[in-house]
Amino acid sequence: MLPLGAISSDMSTARLCSVGSVRIGQGQPLAIIAGPCLFESLELGLAIGRTVRDTCQKLGLQYIFKASFDKANRSSIKSSRGPGIDRGMEWFRTVHKELSVPVTTDVHEPAQCEPVARVVDLLQVPAFLCRQTDLLIAAGHAAQAHGRGVNVKKGQFLAPHEMAGPVRKLEEAGCTNILLTERGTTFGYGRLVNDFLGLGDMMELKLPHNPAGLPPPVCFDATHSTQLPGAGETTGGRPERASLLAKAAVASGVHAVFIECHPTPAKAQSDASTMMALEEVPALLATLARIRGAIAAS
């Protein structure tokens, strides 16, 4: 019998993405990538990470801690940016050591990739930067050199099939340990829309540069998908819909779910309008594990 969070191997044709001890993809337990948007403090990161880790362990799910050491794409120049790369990497080392879980963070400039890859298990390329060749090449080289993975978030301006482009660039840079993340597509009235037809297409992504190659596994970003862009100096959101989207995505067969969470979302220094309350996360993860188990048993 498969673990509760696992899915039978005949329901996916994606390759695996290795993130520390976590294996994302075909036949593997559902992976949860979760943590605060901004690494506000080490204490906060440890508290959130410990709660999500313990829940995932009980449910047979895999866990990767996420936080940002620098938010370079804030709506306002006055917004909090984070601890910076030096202190941020110290904090990631501590989280990895104390919680015994893989860690991930986003990179915004090619020069950040090498020092981040020395510490972090999964380099995340932000959606707005998913076509930046220099960043993808640097991330690919750093990941390959240090045995890391690269997670590319699909740009809000791209069709699902166009993610073959970033995959090609990473592979040409020597990196095949890749994860793709869906986080919504820009629509015409100030909101993001999740195209579940497209989500299926991305899970079966055709690679024109390598027709025989399997597509990377796919993660679904449940909280950023609820954003309402252009709502003012800070992005608006509908966080109460994150659980609905997450459940639909897991029922669709995604390999991982991305959730930003905080003990007091209204006080969060970044993405306060889309963050899920930490107290709500355990119940959602339990539901996602049951959905995944039902798919595996069908």
C-alpha atoms as a PDB file:
ATOM      1  CA  MET A   1       0.000   0.000   0.000  1.00  0.00           C
ATOM      2  CA  LEU A   2       1.242   3.491  -0.868  1.00  0.00           C
ATOM      3  CA  PRO A   3       1.848   6.117   1.850  1.00  0.00           C
ATOM      4  CA  LEU A   4      -1.124   8.442   2.336  1.00  0.00           C
ATOM      5  CA  GLY A   5       0.535  11.291   0.442  1.00  0.00           C
ATOM      6  CA  ALA A   6       1.893   9.180  -2.394  1.00  0.00           C
ATOM      7  CA  ILE A   7       0.505   8.680  -5.866  1.00  0.00           C
ATOM      8  CA  SER A   8       0.741   5.575  -7.995  1.00  0.00           C
ATOM      9  CA  SER A   9       3.570   5.597 -10.511  1.00  0.00           C
ATOM     10  CA  ASP A  10       1.278   5.178 -13.514  1.00  0.00           C
ATOM     11  CA  MET A  11      -0.443   8.533 -12.924  1.00  0.00           C
ATOM     12  CA  SER A  12       2.530  10.719 -13.806  1.00  0.00           C
ATOM     13  CA  THR A  13       5.156  10.798 -16.504  1.00  0.00           C
ATOM     14  CA  ALA A  14       7.321  13.539 -14.997  1.00  0.00           C
ATOM     15  CA  ARG A  15      10.985  13.147 -14.084  1.00  0.00           C
ATOM     16  CA  LEU A  16      12.024  13.563 -10.446  1.00  0.00           C
ATOM     17  CA  CYS A  17      13.371  16.729  -8.847  1.00  0.00           C
ATOM     18  CA  SER A  18      15.692  16.024  -5.907  1.00  0.00           C
ATOM     19  CA  VAL A  19      15.711  18.649  -3.141  1.00  0.00           C
ATOM     20  CA  GLY A  20      17.931  17.454  -0.332  1.00  0.00           C
ATOM     21  CA  SER A  21      16.203  14.360   1.043  1.00  0.00           C
ATOM     22  CA  VAL A  22      12.940  15.197  -0.776  1.00  0.00           C
ATOM     23  CA  ARG A  23      12.042  13.628  -4.115  1.00  0.00           C
ATOM     24  CA  ILE A  24       9.347  15.424  -6.089  1.00  0.00           C
ATOM     25  CA  GLY A  25       7.549  13.713  -8.936  1.00  0.00           C
ATOM     26  CA  GLN A  26       6.351  10.332 -10.117  1.00  0.00           C
ATOM     27  CA  GLY A  27       5.477   7.870  -7.374  1.00  0.00           C
ATOM     28  CA  GLN A  28       6.621  10.183  -4.572  1.00  0.00           C
ATOM     29  CA  PRO A  29       4.612  11.567  -1.616  1.00  0.00           C
ATOM     30  CA  LEU A  30       3.162  15.022  -2.156  1.00  0.00           C
ATOM     31  CA  ALA A  31       5.722  17.718  -1.363  1.00  0.00           C
ATOM     32  CA  ILE A  32       4.803  20.867   0.546  1.00  0.00           C
ATOM     33  CA  ILE A  33       6.894  24.020   0.040  1.00  0.00           C
ATOM     34  CA  ALA A  34       5.857  26.422   2.777  1.00  0.00           C
ATOM     35  CA  GLY A  35       6.991  29.230   5.026  1.00  0.00           C
ATOM     36  CA  PRO A  36       6.764  33.005   5.360  1.00  0.00           C
ATOM     37  CA  CYS A  37       7.054  35.215   2.297  1.00  0.00           C
ATOM     38  CA  LEU A  38       9.818  37.311   3.862  1.00  0.00           C
ATOM     39  CA  PHE A  39      12.395  35.913   6.287  1.00  0.00           C
ATOM     40  CA  GLU A  40      11.393  38.469   8.934  1.00  0.00           C
ATOM     41  CA  SER A  41      13.372  36.835  11.736  1.00  0.00           C
ATOM     42  CA  LEU A  42      15.061  33.547  12.477  1.00  0.00           C
ATOM     43  CA  GLU A  43      12.654  32.901  15.356  1.00  0.00           C
ATOM     44  CA  LEU A  44       9.613  33.350  13.117  1.00  0.00           C
ATOM     45  CA  GLY A  45      11.061  31.101  10.435  1.00  0.00           C
ATOM     46  CA  LEU A  46      11.804  28.336  12.918  1.00  0.00           C
ATOM     47  CA  ALA A  47       8.334  28.562  14.471  1.00  0.00           C
ATOM     48  CA  ILE A  48       6.554  28.346  11.130  1.00  0.00           C
ATOM     49  CA  GLY A  49       8.884  25.670   9.802  1.00  0.00           C
ATOM     50  CA  ARG A  50       8.486  23.512  12.894  1.00  0.00           C
ATOM     51  CA  THR A  51       4.678  23.619  12.701  1.00  0.00           C
ATOM     52  CA  VAL A  52       4.558  22.682   9.017  1.00  0.00           C
ATOM     53  CA  ARG A  53       7.291  20.055   9.356  1.00  0.00           C
ATOM     54  CA  ASP A  54       5.560  18.310  12.240  1.00  0.00           C
ATOM     55  CA  THR A  55       2.248  18.290  10.382  1.00  0.00           C
ATOM     56  CA  CYS A  56       3.825  16.900   7.227  1.00  0.00           C
ATOM     57  CA  GLN A  57       5.568  14.147   9.192  1.00  0.00           C
ATOM     58  CA  LYS A  58       2.261  13.051  10.722  1.00  0.00           C
ATOM     59  CA  LEU A  59       0.580  12.956   7.312  1.00  0.00           C
ATOM     60  CA  GLY A  60       3.329  11.259   5.329  1.00  0.00           C
ATOM     61  CA  LEU A  61       3.989  14.388   3.257  1.00  0.00           C
ATOM     62  CA  GLN A  62       7.384  15.799   2.302  1.00  0.00           C
ATOM     63  CA  TYR A  63       8.399  19.282   3.430  1.00  0.00           C
ATOM     64  CA  ILE A  64      10.688  22.034   2.133  1.00  0.00           C
ATOM     65  CA  PHE A  65      11.035  25.283   4.121  1.00  0.00           C
ATOM     66  CA  LYS A  66      10.641  28.481   2.084  1.00  0.00           C
ATOM     67  CA  ALA A  67      11.449  32.117   2.853  1.00  0.00           C
ATOM     68  CA  SER A  68      12.945  35.081   0.984  1.00  0.00           C
ATOM     69  CA  PHE A  69      16.161  36.787   2.078  1.00  0.00           C
ATOM     70  CA  ASP A  70      15.464  39.702  -0.278  1.00  0.00           C
ATOM     71  CA  LYS A  71      12.242  40.826  -1.946  1.00  0.00           C
ATOM     72  CA  ALA A  72      13.507  42.681  -4.986  1.00  0.00           C
ATOM     73  CA  ASN A  73      10.114  43.050  -6.689  1.00  0.00           C
ATOM     74  CA  ARG A  74       8.161  44.957  -4.046  1.00  0.00           C
ATOM     75  CA  SER A  75       5.405  47.351  -5.146  1.00  0.00           C
ATOM     76  CA  SER A  76       6.944  50.249  -3.199  1.00  0.00           C
ATOM     77  CA  ILE A  77      10.556  51.313  -2.664  1.00  0.00           C
ATOM     78  CA  LYS A  78       9.639  51.787   1.009  1.00  0.00           C
ATOM     79  CA  SER A  79       8.608  48.146   1.509  1.00  0.00           C
ATOM     80  CA  SER A  80      10.644  45.780   3.677  1.00  0.00           C
ATOM     81  CA  ARG A  81      13.238  43.829   1.677  1.00  0.00           C
ATOM     82  CA  GLY A  82      14.481  41.211   4.165  1.00  0.00           C
ATOM     83  CA  PRO A  83      17.714  40.350   5.991  1.00  0.00           C
ATOM     84  CA  GLY A  84      19.954  40.350   2.917  1.00  0.00           C
ATOM     85  CA  ILE A  85      22.046  37.539   1.516  1.00  0.00           C
ATOM     86  CA  ASP A  86      24.702  37.196   4.239  1.00  0.00           C
ATOM     87  CA  ARG A  87      22.387  37.076   7.250  1.00  0.00           C
ATOM     88  CA  GLY A  88      19.770  35.246   5.211  1.00  0.00           C
ATOM     89  CA  MET A  89      22.152  32.398   4.409  1.00  0.00           C
ATOM     90  CA  GLU A  90      23.092  32.138   8.102  1.00  0.00           C
ATOM     91  CA  TRP A  91      19.416  31.778   8.963  1.00  0.00           C
ATOM     92  CA  PHE A  92      18.869  29.129   6.275  1.00  0.00           C
ATOM     93  CA  ARG A  93      21.801  27.130   7.649  1.00  0.00           C
ATOM     94  CA  THR A  94      20.210  27.261  11.092  1.00  0.00           C
ATOM     95  CA  VAL A  95      16.761  26.210   9.836  1.00  0.00           C
ATOM     96  CA  HIS A  96      18.293  23.331   7.897  1.00  0.00           C
ATOM     97  CA  LYS A  97      20.285  22.184  10.929  1.00  0.00           C
ATOM     98  CA  GLU A  98      17.610  22.597  13.602  1.00  0.00           C
ATOM     99  CA  LEU A  99      14.614  21.316  11.602  1.00  0.00           C
ATOM    100  CA  SER A 100      16.455  18.775   9.407  1.00  0.00           C
ATOM    101  CA  VAL A 101      14.520  19.836   6.306  1.00  0.00           C
ATOM    102  CA  PRO A 102      15.593  21.116   2.874  1.00  0.00           C
ATOM    103  CA  VAL A 103      15.309  24.865   2.303  1.00  0.00           C
ATOM    104  CA  THR A 104      14.524  27.080  -0.667  1.00  0.00           C
ATOM    105  CA  THR A 105      14.635  30.767  -1.535  1.00  0.00           C
ATOM    106  CA  ASP A 106      14.347  33.009  -4.576  1.00  0.00           C
ATOM    107  CA  VAL A 107      17.240  34.586  -6.478  1.00  0.00           C
ATOM    108  CA  HIS A 108      16.880  37.786  -8.477  1.00  0.00           C
ATOM    109  CA  GLU A 109      20.350  38.400  -9.909  1.00  0.00           C
ATOM    110  CA  PRO A 110      22.913  36.056 -11.491  1.00  0.00           C
ATOM    111  CA  ALA A 111      25.521  37.004  -8.871  1.00  0.00           C
ATOM    112  CA  GLN A 112      23.280  35.666  -6.086  1.00  0.00           C
ATOM    113  CA  CYS A 113      23.094  32.132  -7.478  1.00  0.00           C
ATOM    114  CA  GLU A 114      26.531  30.826  -6.478  1.00  0.00           C
ATOM    115  CA  PRO A 115      26.495  31.945  -2.813  1.00  0.00           C
ATOM    116  CA  VAL A 116      22.877  30.847  -2.405  1.00  0.00           C
ATOM    117  CA  ALA A 117      23.538  27.423  -3.948  1.00  0.00           C
ATOM    118  CA  ARG A 118      26.263  26.779  -1.369  1.00  0.00           C
ATOM    119  CA  VAL A 119      23.551  26.796   1.329  1.00  0.00           C
ATOM    120  CA  VAL A 120      20.079  26.352  -0.165  1.00  0.00           C
ATOM    121  CA  ASP A 121      18.777  23.089  -1.641  1.00  0.00           C
ATOM    122  CA  LEU A 122      16.427  24.592  -4.243  1.00  0.00           C
ATOM    123  CA  LEU A 123      16.967  27.896  -6.079  1.00  0.00           C
ATOM    124  CA  GLN A 124      13.713  29.600  -7.031  1.00  0.00           C
ATOM    125  CA  VAL A 125      13.480  31.795 -10.130  1.00  0.00           C
ATOM    126  CA  PRO A 126      10.640  34.331  -9.673  1.00  0.00           C
ATOM    127  CA  ALA A 127       7.803  34.406 -12.186  1.00  0.00           C
ATOM    128  CA  PHE A 128       8.649  37.874 -13.500  1.00  0.00           C
ATOM    129  CA  LEU A 129      12.212  36.661 -14.231  1.00  0.00           C
ATOM    130  CA  CYS A 130      11.467  33.242 -15.698  1.00  0.00           C
ATOM    131  CA  ARG A 131      12.721  34.229 -19.168  1.00  0.00           C
ATOM    132  CA  GLN A 132      15.884  36.028 -18.029  1.00  0.00           C
ATOM    133  CA  THR A 133      18.585  34.037 -19.759  1.00  0.00           C
ATOM    134  CA  ASP A 134      21.515  35.200 -17.625  1.00  0.00           C
ATOM    135  CA  LEU A 135      19.663  34.372 -14.396  1.00  0.00           C
ATOM    136  CA  LEU A 136      18.607  30.932 -15.637  1.00  0.00           C
ATOM    137  CA  ILE A 137      22.125  30.101 -16.819  1.00  0.00           C
ATOM    138  CA  ALA A 138      23.661  31.234 -13.513  1.00  0.00           C
ATOM    139  CA  ALA A 139      21.074  29.288 -11.523  1.00  0.00           C
ATOM    140  CA  GLY A 140      21.613  26.208 -13.676  1.00  0.00           C
ATOM    141  CA  HIS A 141      25.404  26.352 -13.358  1.00  0.00           C
ATOM    142  CA  ALA A 142      25.263  26.910  -9.573  1.00  0.00           C
ATOM    143  CA  ALA A 143      22.707  24.150  -9.056  1.00  0.00           C
ATOM    144  CA  GLN A 144      24.744  21.688 -11.099  1.00  0.00           C
ATOM    145  CA  ALA A 145      27.976  22.580  -9.290  1.00  0.00           C
ATOM    146  CA  HIS A 146      26.492  22.096  -5.811  1.00  0.00           C
ATOM    147  CA  GLY A 147      23.979  19.316  -6.421  1.00  0.00           C
ATOM    148  CA  ARG A 148      20.942  21.591  -6.046  1.00  0.00           C
ATOM    149  CA  GLY A 149      17.658  21.987  -7.907  1.00  0.00           C
ATOM    150  CA  VAL A 150      16.037  24.949  -9.678  1.00  0.00           C
ATOM    151  CA  ASN A 151      12.354  25.833  -9.354  1.00  0.00           C
ATOM    152  CA  VAL A 152      11.081  28.149 -12.098  1.00  0.00           C
ATOM    153  CA  LYS A 153       7.792  29.891 -11.500  1.00  0.00           C
ATOM    154  CA  LYS A 154       5.716  30.340 -14.652  1.00  0.00           C
ATOM    155  CA  GLY A 155       5.426  33.992 -15.587  1.00  0.00           C
ATOM    156  CA  GLN A 156       1.935  35.448 -15.380  1.00  0.00           C
ATOM    157  CA  PHE A 157       2.455  36.451 -19.026  1.00  0.00           C
ATOM    158  CA  LEU A 158       3.324  32.979 -20.361  1.00  0.00           C
ATOM    159  CA  ALA A 159       1.224  30.133 -21.712  1.00  0.00           C
ATOM    160  CA  PRO A 160       1.967  26.766 -20.062  1.00  0.00           C
ATOM    161  CA  HIS A 161       3.680  25.319 -23.146  1.00  0.00           C
ATOM    162  CA  GLU A 162       6.087  28.260 -23.210  1.00  0.00           C
ATOM    163  CA  MET A 163       7.758  26.928 -20.049  1.00  0.00           C
ATOM    164  CA  ALA A 164       9.691  24.637 -22.387  1.00  0.00           C
ATOM    165  CA  GLY A 165      11.905  27.683 -23.001  1.00  0.00           C
ATOM    166  CA  PRO A 166      13.207  28.073 -19.425  1.00  0.00           C
ATOM    167  CA  VAL A 167      13.621  24.287 -19.190  1.00  0.00           C
ATOM    168  CA  ARG A 168      15.758  24.308 -22.332  1.00  0.00           C
ATOM    169  CA  LYS A 169      17.975  27.107 -21.012  1.00  0.00           C
ATOM    170  CA  LEU A 170      18.536  25.302 -17.705  1.00  0.00           C
ATOM    171  CA  GLU A 171      19.324  22.030 -19.437  1.00  0.00           C
ATOM    172  CA  GLU A 172      21.753  23.745 -21.768  1.00  0.00           C
ATOM    173  CA  ALA A 173      23.429  25.171 -18.661  1.00  0.00           C
ATOM    174  CA  GLY A 174      23.865  21.608 -17.391  1.00  0.00           C
ATOM    175  CA  CYS A 175      20.949  21.442 -14.933  1.00  0.00           C
ATOM    176  CA  THR A 176      18.250  18.779 -15.312  1.00  0.00           C
ATOM    177  CA  ASN A 177      17.113  18.842 -11.659  1.00  0.00           C
ATOM    178  CA  ILE A 178      14.145  21.112 -12.349  1.00  0.00           C
ATOM    179  CA  LEU A 179      10.750  21.938 -10.840  1.00  0.00           C
ATOM    180  CA  LEU A 180       8.107  24.146 -12.497  1.00  0.00           C
ATOM    181  CA  THR A 181       5.540  26.148 -10.532  1.00  0.00           C
ATOM    182  CA  GLU A 182       2.143  27.424 -11.654  1.00  0.00           C
ATOM    183  CA  ARG A 183       1.012  30.628  -9.941  1.00  0.00           C
ATOM    184  CA  GLY A 184      -1.765  32.029 -12.112  1.00  0.00           C
ATOM    185  CA  THR A 185      -2.052  33.972 -15.337  1.00  0.00           C
ATOM    186  CA  THR A 186      -2.786  37.696 -15.598  1.00  0.00           C
ATOM    187  CA  PHE A 187      -6.383  38.371 -16.577  1.00  0.00           C
ATOM    188  CA  GLY A 188      -8.057  41.554 -17.762  1.00  0.00           C
ATOM    189  CA  TYR A 189      -9.687  42.788 -14.577  1.00  0.00           C
ATOM    190  CA  GLY A 190      -6.947  42.917 -11.984  1.00  0.00           C
ATOM    191  CA  ARG A 191      -6.794  39.292 -10.932  1.00  0.00           C
ATOM    192  CA  LEU A 192      -4.905  36.092 -11.648  1.00  0.00           C
ATOM    193  CA  VAL A 193      -6.672  33.100 -13.148  1.00  0.00           C
ATOM    194  CA  ASN A 194      -5.606  29.477 -12.801  1.00  0.00           C
ATOM    195  CA  ASP A 195      -6.069  27.583 -16.037  1.00  0.00           C
ATOM    196  CA  PHE A 196      -6.443  23.947 -15.033  1.00  0.00           C
ATOM    197  CA  LEU A 197      -6.393  22.841 -18.665  1.00  0.00           C
ATOM    198  CA  GLY A 198      -3.024  24.555 -18.841  1.00  0.00           C
ATOM    199  CA  LEU A 199      -1.936  22.977 -15.571  1.00  0.00           C
ATOM    200  CA  GLY A 200      -2.501  19.580 -17.156  1.00  0.00           C
ATOM    201  CA  ASP A 201      -0.581  20.704 -20.224  1.00  0.00           C
ATOM    202  CA  MET A 202       2.372  21.786 -18.073  1.00  0.00           C
ATOM    203  CA  MET A 203       2.424  18.430 -16.288  1.00  0.00           C
ATOM    204  CA  GLU A 204       2.697  16.845 -19.763  1.00  0.00           C
ATOM    205  CA  LEU A 205       5.006  19.557 -21.129  1.00  0.00           C
ATOM    206  CA  LYS A 206       6.432  18.814 -24.567  1.00  0.00           C
ATOM    207  CA  LEU A 207      10.110  19.631 -24.930  1.00  0.00           C
ATOM    208  CA  PRO A 208      10.804  20.444 -28.607  1.00  0.00           C
ATOM    209  CA  HIS A 209      14.543  20.567 -27.920  1.00  0.00           C
ATOM    210  CA  ASN A 210      14.406  17.063 -26.397  1.00  0.00           C
ATOM    211  CA  PRO A 211      11.319  15.174 -27.642  1.00  0.00           C
ATOM    212  CA  ALA A 212      12.324  12.015 -25.770  1.00  0.00           C
ATOM    213  CA  GLY A 213      12.781  13.840 -22.469  1.00  0.00           C
ATOM    214  CA  LEU A 214      10.285  13.677 -19.618  1.00  0.00           C
ATOM    215  CA  PRO A 215       8.833  17.002 -18.387  1.00  0.00           C
ATOM    216  CA  PRO A 216       9.851  18.333 -14.970  1.00  0.00           C
ATOM    217  CA  PRO A 217       7.427  17.814 -12.068  1.00  0.00           C
ATOM    218  CA  VAL A 218       4.958  20.616 -11.368  1.00  0.00           C
ATOM    219  CA  CYS A 219       4.213  22.548  -8.183  1.00  0.00           C
ATOM    220  CA  PHE A 220       1.083  24.622  -7.614  1.00  0.00           C
ATOM    221  CA  ASP A 221       1.421  27.941  -5.772  1.00  0.00           C
ATOM    222  CA  ALA A 222      -1.856  28.202  -3.862  1.00  0.00           C
ATOM    223  CA  THR A 223      -1.332  31.549  -2.143  1.00  0.00           C
ATOM    224  CA  HIS A 224       0.253  33.705  -4.867  1.00  0.00           C
ATOM    225  CA  SER A 225      -2.492  32.476  -7.201  1.00  0.00           C
ATOM    226  CA  THR A 226      -4.980  34.474  -5.112  1.00  0.00           C
ATOM    227  CA  GLN A 227      -3.244  37.811  -5.786  1.00  0.00           C
ATOM    228  CA  LEU A 228      -5.138  40.799  -7.152  1.00  0.00           C
ATOM    229  CA  PRO A 229      -2.439  42.759  -9.021  1.00  0.00           C
ATOM    230  CA  GLY A 230      -2.707  46.503  -9.295  1.00  0.00           C
ATOM    231  CA  ALA A 231      -4.708  46.935  -6.086  1.00  0.00           C
ATOM    232  CA  GLY A 232      -2.522  49.822  -4.896  1.00  0.00           C
ATOM    233  CA  GLU A 233       0.941  50.262  -3.383  1.00  0.00           C
ATOM    234  CA  THR A 234       0.636  46.714  -2.077  1.00  0.00           C
ATOM    235  CA  THR A 235      -0.858  43.819  -4.023  1.00  0.00           C
ATOM    236  CA  GLY A 236      -4.333  42.742  -2.963  1.00  0.00           C
ATOM    237  CA  GLY A 237      -5.517  39.175  -2.610  1.00  0.00           C
ATOM    238  CA  ARG A 238      -8.159  36.579  -1.759  1.00  0.00           C
ATOM    239  CA  PRO A 239      -6.360  34.276   0.710  1.00  0.00           C
ATOM    240  CA  GLU A 240      -9.620  32.588   1.695  1.00  0.00           C
ATOM    241  CA  ARG A 241      -9.574  30.942  -1.764  1.00  0.00           C
ATOM    242  CA  ALA A 242      -6.091  29.427  -1.386  1.00  0.00           C
ATOM    243  CA  SER A 243      -7.385  26.190   0.133  1.00  0.00           C
ATOM    244  CA  LEU A 244      -9.943  25.790  -2.665  1.00  0.00           C
ATOM    245  CA  LEU A 245      -7.217  26.138  -5.302  1.00  0.00           C
ATOM    246  CA  ALA A 246      -4.824  23.838  -3.461  1.00  0.00           C
ATOM    247  CA  LYS A 247      -7.419  21.072  -3.236  1.00  0.00           C
ATOM    248  CA  ALA A 248      -8.273  21.389  -6.923  1.00  0.00           C
ATOM    249  CA  ALA A 249      -4.589  21.276  -7.871  1.00  0.00           C
ATOM    250  CA  VAL A 250      -3.863  18.157  -5.819  1.00  0.00           C
ATOM    251  CA  ALA A 251      -6.935  16.483  -7.328  1.00  0.00           C
ATOM    252  CA  SER A 252      -5.429  17.358 -10.725  1.00  0.00           C
ATOM    253  CA  GLY A 253      -2.265  15.424  -9.890  1.00  0.00           C
ATOM    254  CA  VAL A 254       0.369  18.069  -9.164  1.00  0.00           C
ATOM    255  CA  HIS A 255       3.529  16.860  -7.462  1.00  0.00           C
ATOM    256  CA  ALA A 256       3.934  19.692  -4.926  1.00  0.00           C
ATOM    257  CA  VAL A 257       2.005  22.565  -3.356  1.00  0.00           C
ATOM    258  CA  PHE A 258       3.481  25.948  -2.414  1.00  0.00           C
ATOM    259  CA  ILE A 259       1.928  27.814   0.532  1.00  0.00           C
ATOM    260  CA  GLU A 260       3.061  31.027   2.191  1.00  0.00           C
ATOM    261  CA  CYS A 261       1.873  31.197   5.790  1.00  0.00           C
ATOM    262  CA  HIS A 262       2.271  33.383   8.873  1.00  0.00           C
ATOM    263  CA  PRO A 263       0.983  33.346  12.472  1.00  0.00           C
ATOM    264  CA  THR A 264      -0.534  36.826  11.961  1.00  0.00           C
ATOM    265  CA  PRO A 265      -0.877  37.448   8.213  1.00  0.00           C
ATOM    266  CA  ALA A 266      -2.120  41.028   8.645  1.00  0.00           C
ATOM    267  CA  LYS A 267       1.202  41.902  10.295  1.00  0.00           C
ATOM    268  CA  ALA A 268       3.403  40.153   7.743  1.00  0.00           C
ATOM    269  CA  GLN A 269       6.036  42.384   6.162  1.00  0.00           C
ATOM    270  CA  SER A 270       5.352  41.005   2.665  1.00  0.00           C
ATOM    271  CA  ASP A 271       2.305  39.503   0.920  1.00  0.00           C
ATOM    272  CA  ALA A 272       0.083  40.166   3.928  1.00  0.00           C
ATOM    273  CA  SER A 273      -2.947  40.183   1.629  1.00  0.00           C
ATOM    274  CA  THR A 274      -2.391  36.632   0.344  1.00  0.00           C
ATOM    275  CA  MET A 275      -0.702  34.834   3.245  1.00  0.00           C
ATOM    276  CA  MET A 276      -2.514  31.894   4.817  1.00  0.00           C
ATOM    277  CA  ALA A 277      -2.874  31.892   8.591  1.00  0.00           C
ATOM    278  CA  LEU A 278      -0.502  29.323  10.077  1.00  0.00           C
ATOM    279  CA  GLU A 279      -3.258  27.893  12.282  1.00  0.00           C
ATOM    280  CA  GLU A 280      -5.223  26.960   9.142  1.00  0.00           C
ATOM    281  CA  VAL A 281      -2.376  25.060   7.479  1.00  0.00           C
ATOM    282  CA  PRO A 282      -2.545  21.710   9.377  1.00  0.00           C
ATOM    283  CA  ALA A 283      -6.202  21.150   8.488  1.00  0.00           C
ATOM    284  CA  LEU A 284      -5.563  22.005   4.832  1.00  0.00           C
ATOM    285  CA  LEU A 285      -2.584  19.654   4.647  1.00  0.00           C
ATOM    286  CA  ALA A 286      -4.671  16.855   6.155  1.00  0.00           C
ATOM    287  CA  THR A 287      -7.275  17.397   3.435  1.00  0.00           C
ATOM    288  CA  LEU A 288      -4.624  17.470   0.707  1.00  0.00           C
ATOM    289  CA  ALA A 289      -3.167  14.207   1.998  1.00  0.00           C
ATOM    290  CA  ARG A 290      -6.607  12.570   1.873  1.00  0.00           C
ATOM    291  CA  ILE A 291      -7.189  13.812  -1.677  1.00  0.00           C
ATOM    292  CA  ARG A 292      -3.807  12.497  -2.748  1.00  0.00           C
ATOM    293  CA  GLY A 293      -4.548   9.176  -1.069  1.00  0.00           C
ATOM    294  CA  ALA A 294      -7.901   8.911  -2.829  1.00  0.00           C
ATOM    295  CA  ILE A 295      -6.232   9.491  -6.204  1.00  0.00           C
ATOM    296  CA  ALA A 296      -3.603   6.868  -5.445  1.00  0.00           C
ATOM    297  CA  ALA A 297      -6.275   4.335  -4.494  1.00  0.00           C
ATOM    298  CA  SER A 298      -8.425   4.923  -7.576  1.00  0.00           C
END
